Amino acid sequence: MDWRPPGWDEDPGAARYFAASTDGGYIGHLEVCASLSRQDVRDFLVSWVERRGSPPRNGTGARGGCAFVSIKLAAHGHCLEVASFGYGPSAAPNNWLLVPLADLMQFAALDLRGE
């Protein structure tokens, strides 16, 4: 897939992840710099997503839902932190499915766990 969230290519950070509700279903994509453990990044992201809880199931954005969620991480030694978090329908192809943010967050946790 060639699509990337807004700002994705500006600064890759230490790791970055996006989940999207495409016209073909949910997808997830994780990139991790070579100096970090992919599993440590997955574990951190799952914990972060789950600590956020389930956001309200209402739609977000002018098109009435979200098509993607993106998370970029920074690393300070072996400590990770969320550098940016974004979501919405903007910049996504018009044929992608718009779903509640809660659904994308739930998919992200399952995807990052490998389920």
PDB file of N, CA and C in Angstrom:
ATOM      1  N   MET A   1       0.843  -1.176   0.000  1.00  0.00           N
ATOM      2  CA  MET A   1       0.000   0.000   0.000  1.00  0.00           C
ATOM      3  C   MET A   1       0.884   1.233   0.000  1.00  0.00           C
ATOM      4  N   ASP A   2       0.570   2.173  -0.854  1.00  0.00           N
ATOM      5  CA  ASP A   2       1.367   3.385  -0.993  1.00  0.00           C
ATOM      6  C   ASP A   2       0.908   4.534  -0.107  1.00  0.00           C
ATOM      7  N   TRP A   3      -0.338   4.505   0.363  1.00  0.00           N
ATOM      8  CA  TRP A   3      -0.877   5.607   1.151  1.00  0.00           C
ATOM      9  C   TRP A   3      -0.178   5.700   2.505  1.00  0.00           C
ATOM     10  N   ARG A   4       0.047   6.908   2.961  1.00  0.00           N
ATOM     11  CA  ARG A   4       0.610   7.163   4.280  1.00  0.00           C
ATOM     12  C   ARG A   4      -0.173   8.297   4.931  1.00  0.00           C
ATOM     13  N   PRO A   5      -0.287   8.307   6.269  1.00  0.00           N
ATOM     14  CA  PRO A   5      -0.999   9.392   6.960  1.00  0.00           C
ATOM     15  C   PRO A   5      -0.321  10.745   6.751  1.00  0.00           C
ATOM     16  N   PRO A   6      -1.059  11.823   6.954  1.00  0.00           N
ATOM     17  CA  PRO A   6      -0.468  13.164   6.839  1.00  0.00           C
ATOM     18  C   PRO A   6       0.742  13.303   7.763  1.00  0.00           C
ATOM     19  N   GLY A   7       1.823  13.894   7.248  1.00  0.00           N
ATOM     20  CA  GLY A   7       3.032  14.115   8.028  1.00  0.00           C
ATOM     21  C   GLY A   7       3.905  12.887   8.209  1.00  0.00           C
ATOM     22  N   TRP A   8       3.501  11.757   7.656  1.00  0.00           N
ATOM     23  CA  TRP A   8       4.211  10.492   7.855  1.00  0.00           C
ATOM     24  C   TRP A   8       5.656  10.568   7.393  1.00  0.00           C
ATOM     25  N   ASP A   9       5.910  11.244   6.275  1.00  0.00           N
ATOM     26  CA  ASP A   9       7.255  11.252   5.695  1.00  0.00           C
ATOM     27  C   ASP A   9       8.130  12.398   6.174  1.00  0.00           C
ATOM     28  N   GLU A  10       7.582  13.317   6.967  1.00  0.00           N
ATOM     29  CA  GLU A  10       8.363  14.460   7.418  1.00  0.00           C
ATOM     30  C   GLU A  10       9.474  14.051   8.380  1.00  0.00           C
ATOM     31  N   ASP A  11       9.163  13.258   9.386  1.00  0.00           N
ATOM     32  CA  ASP A  11      10.136  12.794  10.374  1.00  0.00           C
ATOM     33  C   ASP A  11       9.698  11.407  10.810  1.00  0.00           C
ATOM     34  N   PRO A  12      10.465  10.389  10.464  1.00  0.00           N
ATOM     35  CA  PRO A  12      10.023   9.030  10.783  1.00  0.00           C
ATOM     36  C   PRO A  12      10.009   8.705  12.273  1.00  0.00           C
ATOM     37  N   GLY A  13      10.707   9.491  13.092  1.00  0.00           N
ATOM     38  CA  GLY A  13      10.750   9.185  14.519  1.00  0.00           C
ATOM     39  C   GLY A  13      11.436   7.847  14.754  1.00  0.00           C
ATOM     40  N   ALA A  14      11.288   7.319  15.954  1.00  0.00           N
ATOM     41  CA  ALA A  14      11.903   6.042  16.299  1.00  0.00           C
ATOM     42  C   ALA A  14      11.054   4.871  15.792  1.00  0.00           C
ATOM     43  N   ALA A  15       9.749   5.095  15.753  1.00  0.00           N
ATOM     44  CA  ALA A  15       8.811   4.089  15.254  1.00  0.00           C
ATOM     45  C   ALA A  15       7.516   4.804  14.901  1.00  0.00           C
ATOM     46  N   ARG A  16       6.748   4.175  14.033  1.00  0.00           N
ATOM     47  CA  ARG A  16       5.460   4.747  13.674  1.00  0.00           C
ATOM     48  C   ARG A  16       4.521   3.638  13.234  1.00  0.00           C
ATOM     49  N   TYR A  17       3.237   3.888  13.506  1.00  0.00           N
ATOM     50  CA  TYR A  17       2.209   2.883  13.221  1.00  0.00           C
ATOM     51  C   TYR A  17       0.962   3.586  12.717  1.00  0.00           C
ATOM     52  N   PHE A  18       0.300   2.970  11.748  1.00  0.00           N
ATOM     53  CA  PHE A  18      -1.029   3.447  11.402  1.00  0.00           C
ATOM     54  C   PHE A  18      -1.961   2.267  11.181  1.00  0.00           C
ATOM     55  N   ALA A  19      -3.233   2.505  11.491  1.00  0.00           N
ATOM     56  CA  ALA A  19      -4.308   1.573  11.192  1.00  0.00           C
ATOM     57  C   ALA A  19      -5.299   2.330  10.325  1.00  0.00           C
ATOM     58  N   ALA A  20      -5.885   1.634   9.352  1.00  0.00           N
ATOM     59  CA  ALA A  20      -6.827   2.286   8.448  1.00  0.00           C
ATOM     60  C   ALA A  20      -7.972   1.341   8.112  1.00  0.00           C
ATOM     61  N   SER A  21      -9.109   1.944   7.819  1.00  0.00           N
ATOM     62  CA  SER A  21     -10.281   1.169   7.400  1.00  0.00           C
ATOM     63  C   SER A  21     -10.474   1.399   5.904  1.00  0.00           C
ATOM     64  N   THR A  22      -9.748   0.640   5.116  1.00  0.00           N
ATOM     65  CA  THR A  22      -9.778   0.799   3.666  1.00  0.00           C
ATOM     66  C   THR A  22     -11.036   0.165   3.078  1.00  0.00           C
ATOM     67  N   ASP A  23     -11.210   0.337   1.791  1.00  0.00           N
ATOM     68  CA  ASP A  23     -12.356  -0.287   1.131  1.00  0.00           C
ATOM     69  C   ASP A  23     -12.229  -1.807   1.118  1.00  0.00           C
ATOM     70  N   GLY A  24     -11.047  -2.327   1.404  1.00  0.00           N
ATOM     71  CA  GLY A  24     -10.829  -3.778   1.476  1.00  0.00           C
ATOM     72  C   GLY A  24     -10.796  -4.316   2.899  1.00  0.00           C
ATOM     73  N   GLY A  25     -11.047  -3.478   3.893  1.00  0.00           N
ATOM     74  CA  GLY A  25     -11.032  -3.889   5.295  1.00  0.00           C
ATOM     75  C   GLY A  25      -9.952  -3.171   6.080  1.00  0.00           C
ATOM     76  N   TYR A  26      -9.806  -3.550   7.325  1.00  0.00           N
ATOM     77  CA  TYR A  26      -8.808  -2.928   8.198  1.00  0.00           C
ATOM     78  C   TYR A  26      -7.405  -3.385   7.830  1.00  0.00           C
ATOM     79  N   ILE A  27      -6.455  -2.452   7.914  1.00  0.00           N
ATOM     80  CA  ILE A  27      -5.043  -2.773   7.737  1.00  0.00           C
ATOM     81  C   ILE A  27      -4.251  -2.057   8.819  1.00  0.00           C
ATOM     82  N   GLY A  28      -3.078  -2.577   9.143  1.00  0.00           N
ATOM     83  CA  GLY A  28      -2.160  -1.931  10.064  1.00  0.00           C
ATOM     84  C   GLY A  28      -0.765  -1.976   9.482  1.00  0.00           C
ATOM     85  N   HIS A  29       0.038  -0.978   9.800  1.00  0.00           N
ATOM     86  CA  HIS A  29       1.399  -0.909   9.272  1.00  0.00           C
ATOM     87  C   HIS A  29       2.313  -0.343  10.352  1.00  0.00           C
ATOM     88  N   LEU A  30       3.384  -1.065  10.673  1.00  0.00           N
ATOM     89  CA  LEU A  30       4.348  -0.658  11.703  1.00  0.00           C
ATOM     90  C   LEU A  30       5.736  -0.563  11.097  1.00  0.00           C
ATOM     91  N   GLU A  31       6.432   0.527  11.394  1.00  0.00           N
ATOM     92  CA  GLU A  31       7.834   0.701  11.016  1.00  0.00           C
ATOM     93  C   GLU A  31       8.626   1.017  12.279  1.00  0.00           C
ATOM     94  N   VAL A  32       9.768   0.353  12.442  1.00  0.00           N
ATOM     95  CA  VAL A  32      10.595   0.513  13.640  1.00  0.00           C
ATOM     96  C   VAL A  32      12.048   0.717  13.209  1.00  0.00           C
ATOM     97  N   CYS A  33      12.728   1.706  13.804  1.00  0.00           N
ATOM     98  CA  CYS A  33      14.137   1.921  13.457  1.00  0.00           C
ATOM     99  C   CYS A  33      14.972   0.724  13.932  1.00  0.00           C
ATOM    100  N   ALA A  34      16.109   0.538  13.316  1.00  0.00           N
ATOM    101  CA  ALA A  34      16.931  -0.651  13.551  1.00  0.00           C
ATOM    102  C   ALA A  34      17.448  -0.759  14.981  1.00  0.00           C
ATOM    103  N   SER A  35      17.544   0.347  15.700  1.00  0.00           N
ATOM    104  CA  SER A  35      18.116   0.306  17.050  1.00  0.00           C
ATOM    105  C   SER A  35      17.116  -0.130  18.122  1.00  0.00           C
ATOM    106  N   LEU A  36      15.859  -0.306  17.757  1.00  0.00           N
ATOM    107  CA  LEU A  36      14.834  -0.692  18.727  1.00  0.00           C
ATOM    108  C   LEU A  36      14.328  -2.101  18.468  1.00  0.00           C
ATOM    109  N   SER A  37      13.850  -2.733  19.521  1.00  0.00           N
ATOM    110  CA  SER A  37      13.224  -4.046  19.407  1.00  0.00           C
ATOM    111  C   SER A  37      11.798  -3.869  18.895  1.00  0.00           C
ATOM    112  N   ARG A  38      11.470  -4.543  17.824  1.00  0.00           N
ATOM    113  CA  ARG A  38      10.123  -4.477  17.257  1.00  0.00           C
ATOM    114  C   ARG A  38       9.088  -4.923  18.291  1.00  0.00           C
ATOM    115  N   GLN A  39       9.409  -5.964  19.066  1.00  0.00           N
ATOM    116  CA  GLN A  39       8.459  -6.452  20.067  1.00  0.00           C
ATOM    117  C   GLN A  39       8.274  -5.437  21.193  1.00  0.00           C
ATOM    118  N   ASP A  40       9.353  -4.772  21.614  1.00  0.00           N
ATOM    119  CA  ASP A  40       9.220  -3.732  22.646  1.00  0.00           C
ATOM    120  C   ASP A  40       8.314  -2.594  22.163  1.00  0.00           C
ATOM    121  N   VAL A  41       8.462  -2.224  20.902  1.00  0.00           N
ATOM    122  CA  VAL A  41       7.612  -1.168  20.339  1.00  0.00           C
ATOM    123  C   VAL A  41       6.164  -1.635  20.292  1.00  0.00           C
ATOM    124  N   ARG A  42       5.939  -2.862  19.848  1.00  0.00           N
ATOM    125  CA  ARG A  42       4.569  -3.405  19.820  1.00  0.00           C
ATOM    126  C   ARG A  42       3.960  -3.386  21.230  1.00  0.00           C
ATOM    127  N   ASP A  43       4.723  -3.866  22.210  1.00  0.00           N
ATOM    128  CA  ASP A  43       4.227  -3.906  23.589  1.00  0.00           C
ATOM    129  C   ASP A  43       3.888  -2.508  24.099  1.00  0.00           C
ATOM    130  N   PHE A  44       4.766  -1.549  23.820  1.00  0.00           N
ATOM    131  CA  PHE A  44       4.522  -0.171  24.245  1.00  0.00           C
ATOM    132  C   PHE A  44       3.237   0.365  23.609  1.00  0.00           C
ATOM    133  N   LEU A  45       3.096   0.161  22.304  1.00  0.00           N
ATOM    134  CA  LEU A  45       1.921   0.682  21.615  1.00  0.00           C
ATOM    135  C   LEU A  45       0.633   0.032  22.092  1.00  0.00           C
ATOM    136  N   VAL A  46       0.643  -1.277  22.305  1.00  0.00           N
ATOM    137  CA  VAL A  46      -0.560  -1.953  22.816  1.00  0.00           C
ATOM    138  C   VAL A  46      -0.939  -1.363  24.167  1.00  0.00           C
ATOM    139  N   SER A  47       0.037  -1.200  25.046  1.00  0.00           N
ATOM    140  CA  SER A  47      -0.228  -0.636  26.368  1.00  0.00           C
ATOM    141  C   SER A  47      -0.778   0.785  26.247  1.00  0.00           C
ATOM    142  N   TRP A  48      -0.182   1.584  25.379  1.00  0.00           N
ATOM    143  CA  TRP A  48      -0.619   2.973  25.212  1.00  0.00           C
ATOM    144  C   TRP A  48      -2.046   3.023  24.686  1.00  0.00           C
ATOM    145  N   VAL A  49      -2.337   2.240  23.663  1.00  0.00           N
ATOM    146  CA  VAL A  49      -3.686   2.226  23.082  1.00  0.00           C
ATOM    147  C   VAL A  49      -4.706   1.765  24.119  1.00  0.00           C
ATOM    148  N   GLU A  50      -4.379   0.723  24.862  1.00  0.00           N
ATOM    149  CA  GLU A  50      -5.324   0.206  25.855  1.00  0.00           C
ATOM    150  C   GLU A  50      -5.517   1.165  27.023  1.00  0.00           C
ATOM    151  N   ARG A  51      -4.486   1.907  27.420  1.00  0.00           N
ATOM    152  CA  ARG A  51      -4.626   2.894  28.500  1.00  0.00           C
ATOM    153  C   ARG A  51      -5.534   4.042  28.100  1.00  0.00           C
ATOM    154  N   ARG A  52      -5.632   4.307  26.816  1.00  0.00           N
ATOM    155  CA  ARG A  52      -6.515   5.371  26.349  1.00  0.00           C
ATOM    156  C   ARG A  52      -7.973   4.978  26.557  1.00  0.00           C
ATOM    157  N   GLY A  53      -8.231   3.703  26.759  1.00  0.00           N
ATOM    158  CA  GLY A  53      -9.608   3.244  26.907  1.00  0.00           C
ATOM    159  C   GLY A  53     -10.317   3.271  25.575  1.00  0.00           C
ATOM    160  N   SER A  54     -11.576   3.061  25.604  1.00  0.00           N
ATOM    161  CA  SER A  54     -12.376   3.077  24.389  1.00  0.00           C
ATOM    162  C   SER A  54     -12.980   4.456  24.228  1.00  0.00           C
ATOM    163  N   PRO A  55     -12.536   5.215  23.224  1.00  0.00           N
ATOM    164  CA  PRO A  55     -13.116   6.534  23.028  1.00  0.00           C
ATOM    165  C   PRO A  55     -14.593   6.416  22.655  1.00  0.00           C
ATOM    166  N   PRO A  56     -15.326   7.494  22.748  1.00  0.00           N
ATOM    167  CA  PRO A  56     -16.743   7.459  22.359  1.00  0.00           C
ATOM    168  C   PRO A  56     -16.895   6.921  20.938  1.00  0.00           C
ATOM    169  N   ARG A  57     -17.983   6.228  20.672  1.00  0.00           N
ATOM    170  CA  ARG A  57     -18.194   5.600  19.382  1.00  0.00           C
ATOM    171  C   ARG A  57     -18.848   6.538  18.368  1.00  0.00           C
ATOM    172  N   ASN A  58     -18.847   7.825  18.638  1.00  0.00           N
ATOM    173  CA  ASN A  58     -19.439   8.747  17.676  1.00  0.00           C
ATOM    174  C   ASN A  58     -18.481   9.000  16.526  1.00  0.00           C
ATOM    175  N   GLY A  59     -19.013   9.506  15.432  1.00  0.00           N
ATOM    176  CA  GLY A  59     -18.180   9.801  14.277  1.00  0.00           C
ATOM    177  C   GLY A  59     -17.280  11.000  14.540  1.00  0.00           C
ATOM    178  N   THR A  60     -16.236  11.110  13.749  1.00  0.00           N
ATOM    179  CA  THR A  60     -15.304  12.216  13.870  1.00  0.00           C
ATOM    180  C   THR A  60     -15.046  12.776  12.491  1.00  0.00           C
ATOM    181  N   GLY A  61     -15.106  14.060  12.355  1.00  0.00           N
ATOM    182  CA  GLY A  61     -14.751  14.686  11.093  1.00  0.00           C
ATOM    183  C   GLY A  61     -15.960  14.981  10.220  1.00  0.00           C
ATOM    184  N   ALA A  62     -15.716  15.776   9.200  1.00  0.00           N
ATOM    185  CA  ALA A  62     -16.780  16.235   8.322  1.00  0.00           C
ATOM    186  C   ALA A  62     -17.451  15.092   7.565  1.00  0.00           C
ATOM    187  N   ARG A  63     -16.723  14.024   7.305  1.00  0.00           N
ATOM    188  CA  ARG A  63     -17.309  12.907   6.572  1.00  0.00           C
ATOM    189  C   ARG A  63     -18.002  11.924   7.511  1.00  0.00           C
ATOM    190  N   GLY A  64     -18.030  12.192   8.809  1.00  0.00           N
ATOM    191  CA  GLY A  64     -18.818  11.385   9.731  1.00  0.00           C
ATOM    192  C   GLY A  64     -18.131  10.183  10.327  1.00  0.00           C
ATOM    193  N   GLY A  65     -16.834  10.106  10.345  1.00  0.00           N
ATOM    194  CA  GLY A  65     -16.117   8.984  10.939  1.00  0.00           C
ATOM    195  C   GLY A  65     -14.633   9.124  10.694  1.00  0.00           C
ATOM    196  N   CYS A  66     -13.895   8.097  11.041  1.00  0.00           N
ATOM    197  CA  CYS A  66     -12.443   8.082  10.851  1.00  0.00           C
ATOM    198  C   CYS A  66     -12.067   7.017   9.831  1.00  0.00           C
ATOM    199  N   ALA A  67     -11.064   7.300   9.056  1.00  0.00           N
ATOM    200  CA  ALA A  67     -10.543   6.325   8.105  1.00  0.00           C
ATOM    201  C   ALA A  67      -9.168   5.829   8.534  1.00  0.00           C
ATOM    202  N   PHE A  68      -8.506   6.560   9.441  1.00  0.00           N
ATOM    203  CA  PHE A  68      -7.178   6.129   9.893  1.00  0.00           C
ATOM    204  C   PHE A  68      -6.868   6.690  11.270  1.00  0.00           C
ATOM    205  N   VAL A  69      -5.909   6.056  11.911  1.00  0.00           N
ATOM    206  CA  VAL A  69      -5.302   6.543  13.141  1.00  0.00           C
ATOM    207  C   VAL A  69      -3.802   6.336  12.978  1.00  0.00           C
ATOM    208  N   SER A  70      -3.000   7.310  13.401  1.00  0.00           N
ATOM    209  CA  SER A  70      -1.549   7.169  13.295  1.00  0.00           C
ATOM    210  C   SER A  70      -0.875   7.575  14.602  1.00  0.00           C
ATOM    211  N   ILE A  71       0.197   6.873  14.916  1.00  0.00           N
ATOM    212  CA  ILE A  71       0.953   7.121  16.148  1.00  0.00           C
ATOM    213  C   ILE A  71       2.432   7.125  15.788  1.00  0.00           C
ATOM    214  N   LYS A  72       3.122   8.168  16.181  1.00  0.00           N
ATOM    215  CA  LYS A  72       4.569   8.256  15.957  1.00  0.00           C
ATOM    216  C   LYS A  72       5.260   8.281  17.311  1.00  0.00           C
ATOM    217  N   LEU A  73       6.343   7.507  17.447  1.00  0.00           N
ATOM    218  CA  LEU A  73       7.073   7.415  18.711  1.00  0.00           C
ATOM    219  C   LEU A  73       8.442   8.068  18.626  1.00  0.00           C
ATOM    220  N   ALA A  74       8.890   8.591  19.749  1.00  0.00           N
ATOM    221  CA  ALA A  74      10.255   9.074  19.927  1.00  0.00           C
ATOM    222  C   ALA A  74      10.917   8.167  20.954  1.00  0.00           C
ATOM    223  N   ALA A  75      12.219   8.037  20.855  1.00  0.00           N
ATOM    224  CA  ALA A  75      12.966   7.205  21.806  1.00  0.00           C
ATOM    225  C   ALA A  75      14.020   8.065  22.488  1.00  0.00           C
ATOM    226  N   HIS A  76      14.137   7.859  23.785  1.00  0.00           N
ATOM    227  CA  HIS A  76      15.185   8.499  24.595  1.00  0.00           C
ATOM    228  C   HIS A  76      15.912   7.353  25.274  1.00  0.00           C
ATOM    229  N   GLY A  77      17.018   6.913  24.653  1.00  0.00           N
ATOM    230  CA  GLY A  77      17.653   5.686  25.121  1.00  0.00           C
ATOM    231  C   GLY A  77      16.713   4.532  24.830  1.00  0.00           C
ATOM    232  N   HIS A  78      16.354   3.803  25.870  1.00  0.00           N
ATOM    233  CA  HIS A  78      15.418   2.686  25.699  1.00  0.00           C
ATOM    234  C   HIS A  78      13.992   3.069  26.114  1.00  0.00           C
ATOM    235  N   CYS A  79      13.783   4.338  26.436  1.00  0.00           N
ATOM    236  CA  CYS A  79      12.446   4.793  26.832  1.00  0.00           C
ATOM    237  C   CYS A  79      11.711   5.333  25.604  1.00  0.00           C
ATOM    238  N   LEU A  80      10.467   4.915  25.463  1.00  0.00           N
ATOM    239  CA  LEU A  80       9.639   5.356  24.349  1.00  0.00           C
ATOM    240  C   LEU A  80       8.572   6.325  24.842  1.00  0.00           C
ATOM    241  N   GLU A  81       8.189   7.250  23.976  1.00  0.00           N
ATOM    242  CA  GLU A  81       7.073   8.138  24.261  1.00  0.00           C
ATOM    243  C   GLU A  81       6.349   8.451  22.969  1.00  0.00           C
ATOM    244  N   VAL A  82       5.075   8.756  23.075  1.00  0.00           N
ATOM    245  CA  VAL A  82       4.291   9.133  21.908  1.00  0.00           C
ATOM    246  C   VAL A  82       4.649  10.564  21.534  1.00  0.00           C
ATOM    247  N   ALA A  83       5.144  10.732  20.324  1.00  0.00           N
ATOM    248  CA  ALA A  83       5.509  12.057  19.831  1.00  0.00           C
ATOM    249  C   ALA A  83       4.332  12.722  19.120  1.00  0.00           C
ATOM    250  N   SER A  84       3.495  11.916  18.479  1.00  0.00           N
ATOM    251  CA  SER A  84       2.302  12.465  17.840  1.00  0.00           C
ATOM    252  C   SER A  84       1.248  11.381  17.677  1.00  0.00           C
ATOM    253  N   PHE A  85      -0.006  11.827  17.682  1.00  0.00           N
ATOM    254  CA  PHE A  85      -1.157  10.949  17.529  1.00  0.00           C
ATOM    255  C   PHE A  85      -2.162  11.691  16.670  1.00  0.00           C
ATOM    256  N   GLY A  86      -2.617  11.055  15.606  1.00  0.00           N
ATOM    257  CA  GLY A  86      -3.575  11.702  14.730  1.00  0.00           C
ATOM    258  C   GLY A  86      -4.614  10.728  14.221  1.00  0.00           C
ATOM    259  N   TYR A  87      -5.748  11.261  13.801  1.00  0.00           N
ATOM    260  CA  TYR A  87      -6.811  10.422  13.252  1.00  0.00           C
ATOM    261  C   TYR A  87      -7.756  11.287  12.446  1.00  0.00           C
ATOM    262  N   GLY A  88      -8.537  10.647  11.613  1.00  0.00           N
ATOM    263  CA  GLY A  88      -9.565  11.375  10.885  1.00  0.00           C
ATOM    264  C   GLY A  88      -9.827  10.808   9.507  1.00  0.00           C
ATOM    265  N   PRO A  89     -10.683  11.478   8.787  1.00  0.00           N
ATOM    266  CA  PRO A  89     -10.958  11.066   7.422  1.00  0.00           C
ATOM    267  C   PRO A  89     -10.107  11.828   6.403  1.00  0.00           C
ATOM    268  N   SER A  90      -9.536  12.968   6.823  1.00  0.00           N
ATOM    269  CA  SER A  90      -8.803  13.803   5.875  1.00  0.00           C
ATOM    270  C   SER A  90      -7.599  13.053   5.322  1.00  0.00           C
ATOM    271  N   ALA A  91      -7.294  13.307   4.094  1.00  0.00           N
ATOM    272  CA  ALA A  91      -6.149  12.724   3.390  1.00  0.00           C
ATOM    273  C   ALA A  91      -6.347  11.262   3.021  1.00  0.00           C
ATOM    274  N   ALA A  92      -7.404  10.641   3.446  1.00  0.00           N
ATOM    275  CA  ALA A  92      -7.672   9.249   3.077  1.00  0.00           C
ATOM    276  C   ALA A  92      -8.488   9.231   1.786  1.00  0.00           C
ATOM    277  N   PRO A  93      -8.317   8.205   0.973  1.00  0.00           N
ATOM    278  CA  PRO A  93      -9.126   8.102  -0.250  1.00  0.00           C
ATOM    279  C   PRO A  93     -10.628   8.106   0.067  1.00  0.00           C
ATOM    280  N   ASN A  94     -11.411   8.694  -0.800  1.00  0.00           N
ATOM    281  CA  ASN A  94     -12.853   8.818  -0.573  1.00  0.00           C
ATOM    282  C   ASN A  94     -13.581   7.488  -0.487  1.00  0.00           C
ATOM    283  N   ASN A  95     -13.025   6.423  -1.050  1.00  0.00           N
ATOM    284  CA  ASN A  95     -13.716   5.134  -1.017  1.00  0.00           C
ATOM    285  C   ASN A  95     -13.407   4.331   0.250  1.00  0.00           C
ATOM    286  N   TRP A  96     -12.566   4.857   1.147  1.00  0.00           N
ATOM    287  CA  TRP A  96     -12.299   4.151   2.394  1.00  0.00           C
ATOM    288  C   TRP A  96     -13.507   4.248   3.307  1.00  0.00           C
ATOM    289  N   LEU A  97     -13.683   3.237   4.129  1.00  0.00           N
ATOM    290  CA  LEU A  97     -14.807   3.189   5.060  1.00  0.00           C
ATOM    291  C   LEU A  97     -14.550   4.113   6.237  1.00  0.00           C
ATOM    292  N   LEU A  98     -15.569   4.837   6.642  1.00  0.00           N
ATOM    293  CA  LEU A  98     -15.478   5.703   7.814  1.00  0.00           C
ATOM    294  C   LEU A  98     -16.102   4.965   8.985  1.00  0.00           C
ATOM    295  N   VAL A  99     -15.333   4.837  10.055  1.00  0.00           N
ATOM    296  CA  VAL A  99     -15.759   4.075  11.227  1.00  0.00           C
ATOM    297  C   VAL A  99     -15.500   4.903  12.479  1.00  0.00           C
ATOM    298  N   PRO A 100     -16.119   4.542  13.599  1.00  0.00           N
ATOM    299  CA  PRO A 100     -15.820   5.243  14.850  1.00  0.00           C
ATOM    300  C   PRO A 100     -14.345   5.080  15.238  1.00  0.00           C
ATOM    301  N   LEU A 101     -13.775   6.105  15.845  1.00  0.00           N
ATOM    302  CA  LEU A 101     -12.399   6.049  16.322  1.00  0.00           C
ATOM    303  C   LEU A 101     -12.191   4.845  17.232  1.00  0.00           C
ATOM    304  N   ALA A 102     -13.178   4.518  18.056  1.00  0.00           N
ATOM    305  CA  ALA A 102     -13.067   3.370  18.965  1.00  0.00           C
ATOM    306  C   ALA A 102     -12.805   2.079  18.204  1.00  0.00           C
ATOM    307  N   ASP A 103     -13.416   1.923  17.040  1.00  0.00           N
ATOM    308  CA  ASP A 103     -13.215   0.710  16.249  1.00  0.00           C
ATOM    309  C   ASP A 103     -11.780   0.624  15.728  1.00  0.00           C
ATOM    310  N   LEU A 104     -11.231   1.753  15.275  1.00  0.00           N
ATOM    311  CA  LEU A 104      -9.845   1.763  14.806  1.00  0.00           C
ATOM    312  C   LEU A 104      -8.864   1.480  15.943  1.00  0.00           C
ATOM    313  N   MET A 105      -9.128   2.045  17.115  1.00  0.00           N
ATOM    314  CA  MET A 105      -8.251   1.808  18.269  1.00  0.00           C
ATOM    315  C   MET A 105      -8.304   0.339  18.689  1.00  0.00           C
ATOM    316  N   GLN A 106      -9.496  -0.247  18.670  1.00  0.00           N
ATOM    317  CA  GLN A 106      -9.625  -1.656  19.017  1.00  0.00           C
ATOM    318  C   GLN A 106      -8.879  -2.516  18.001  1.00  0.00           C
ATOM    319  N   PHE A 107      -9.023  -2.215  16.714  1.00  0.00           N
ATOM    320  CA  PHE A 107      -8.277  -2.956  15.701  1.00  0.00           C
ATOM    321  C   PHE A 107      -6.781  -2.802  15.914  1.00  0.00           C
ATOM    322  N   ALA A 108      -6.316  -1.574  16.194  1.00  0.00           N
ATOM    323  CA  ALA A 108      -4.888  -1.326  16.389  1.00  0.00           C
ATOM    324  C   ALA A 108      -4.330  -2.212  17.504  1.00  0.00           C
ATOM    325  N   ALA A 109      -5.025  -2.307  18.626  1.00  0.00           N
ATOM    326  CA  ALA A 109      -4.557  -3.147  19.731  1.00  0.00           C
ATOM    327  C   ALA A 109      -4.475  -4.613  19.306  1.00  0.00           C
ATOM    328  N   LEU A 110      -5.483  -5.089  18.614  1.00  0.00           N
ATOM    329  CA  LEU A 110      -5.475  -6.480  18.154  1.00  0.00           C
ATOM    330  C   LEU A 110      -4.366  -6.716  17.132  1.00  0.00           C
ATOM    331  N   ASP A 111      -4.216  -5.792  16.207  1.00  0.00           N
ATOM    332  CA  ASP A 111      -3.188  -5.914  15.169  1.00  0.00           C
ATOM    333  C   ASP A 111      -1.784  -5.929  15.784  1.00  0.00           C
ATOM    334  N   LEU A 112      -1.533  -5.017  16.706  1.00  0.00           N
ATOM    335  CA  LEU A 112      -0.211  -4.932  17.332  1.00  0.00           C
ATOM    336  C   LEU A 112       0.103  -6.145  18.195  1.00  0.00           C
ATOM    337  N   ARG A 113      -0.944  -6.778  18.741  1.00  0.00           N
ATOM    338  CA  ARG A 113      -0.760  -8.030  19.491  1.00  0.00           C
ATOM    339  C   ARG A 113      -0.561  -9.210  18.563  1.00  0.00           C
ATOM    340  N   GLY A 114      -0.823  -9.007  17.281  1.00  0.00           N
ATOM    341  CA  GLY A 114      -0.694 -10.108  16.325  1.00  0.00           C
ATOM    342  C   GLY A 114      -1.922 -10.985  16.260  1.00  0.00           C
ATOM    343  N   GLU A 115      -3.053 -10.471  16.680  1.00  0.00           N
ATOM    344  CA  GLU A 115      -4.308 -11.262  16.675  1.00  0.00           C
ATOM    345  C   GLU A 115      -5.104 -10.998  15.413  1.00  0.00           C
TER     346      GLU A 115
END
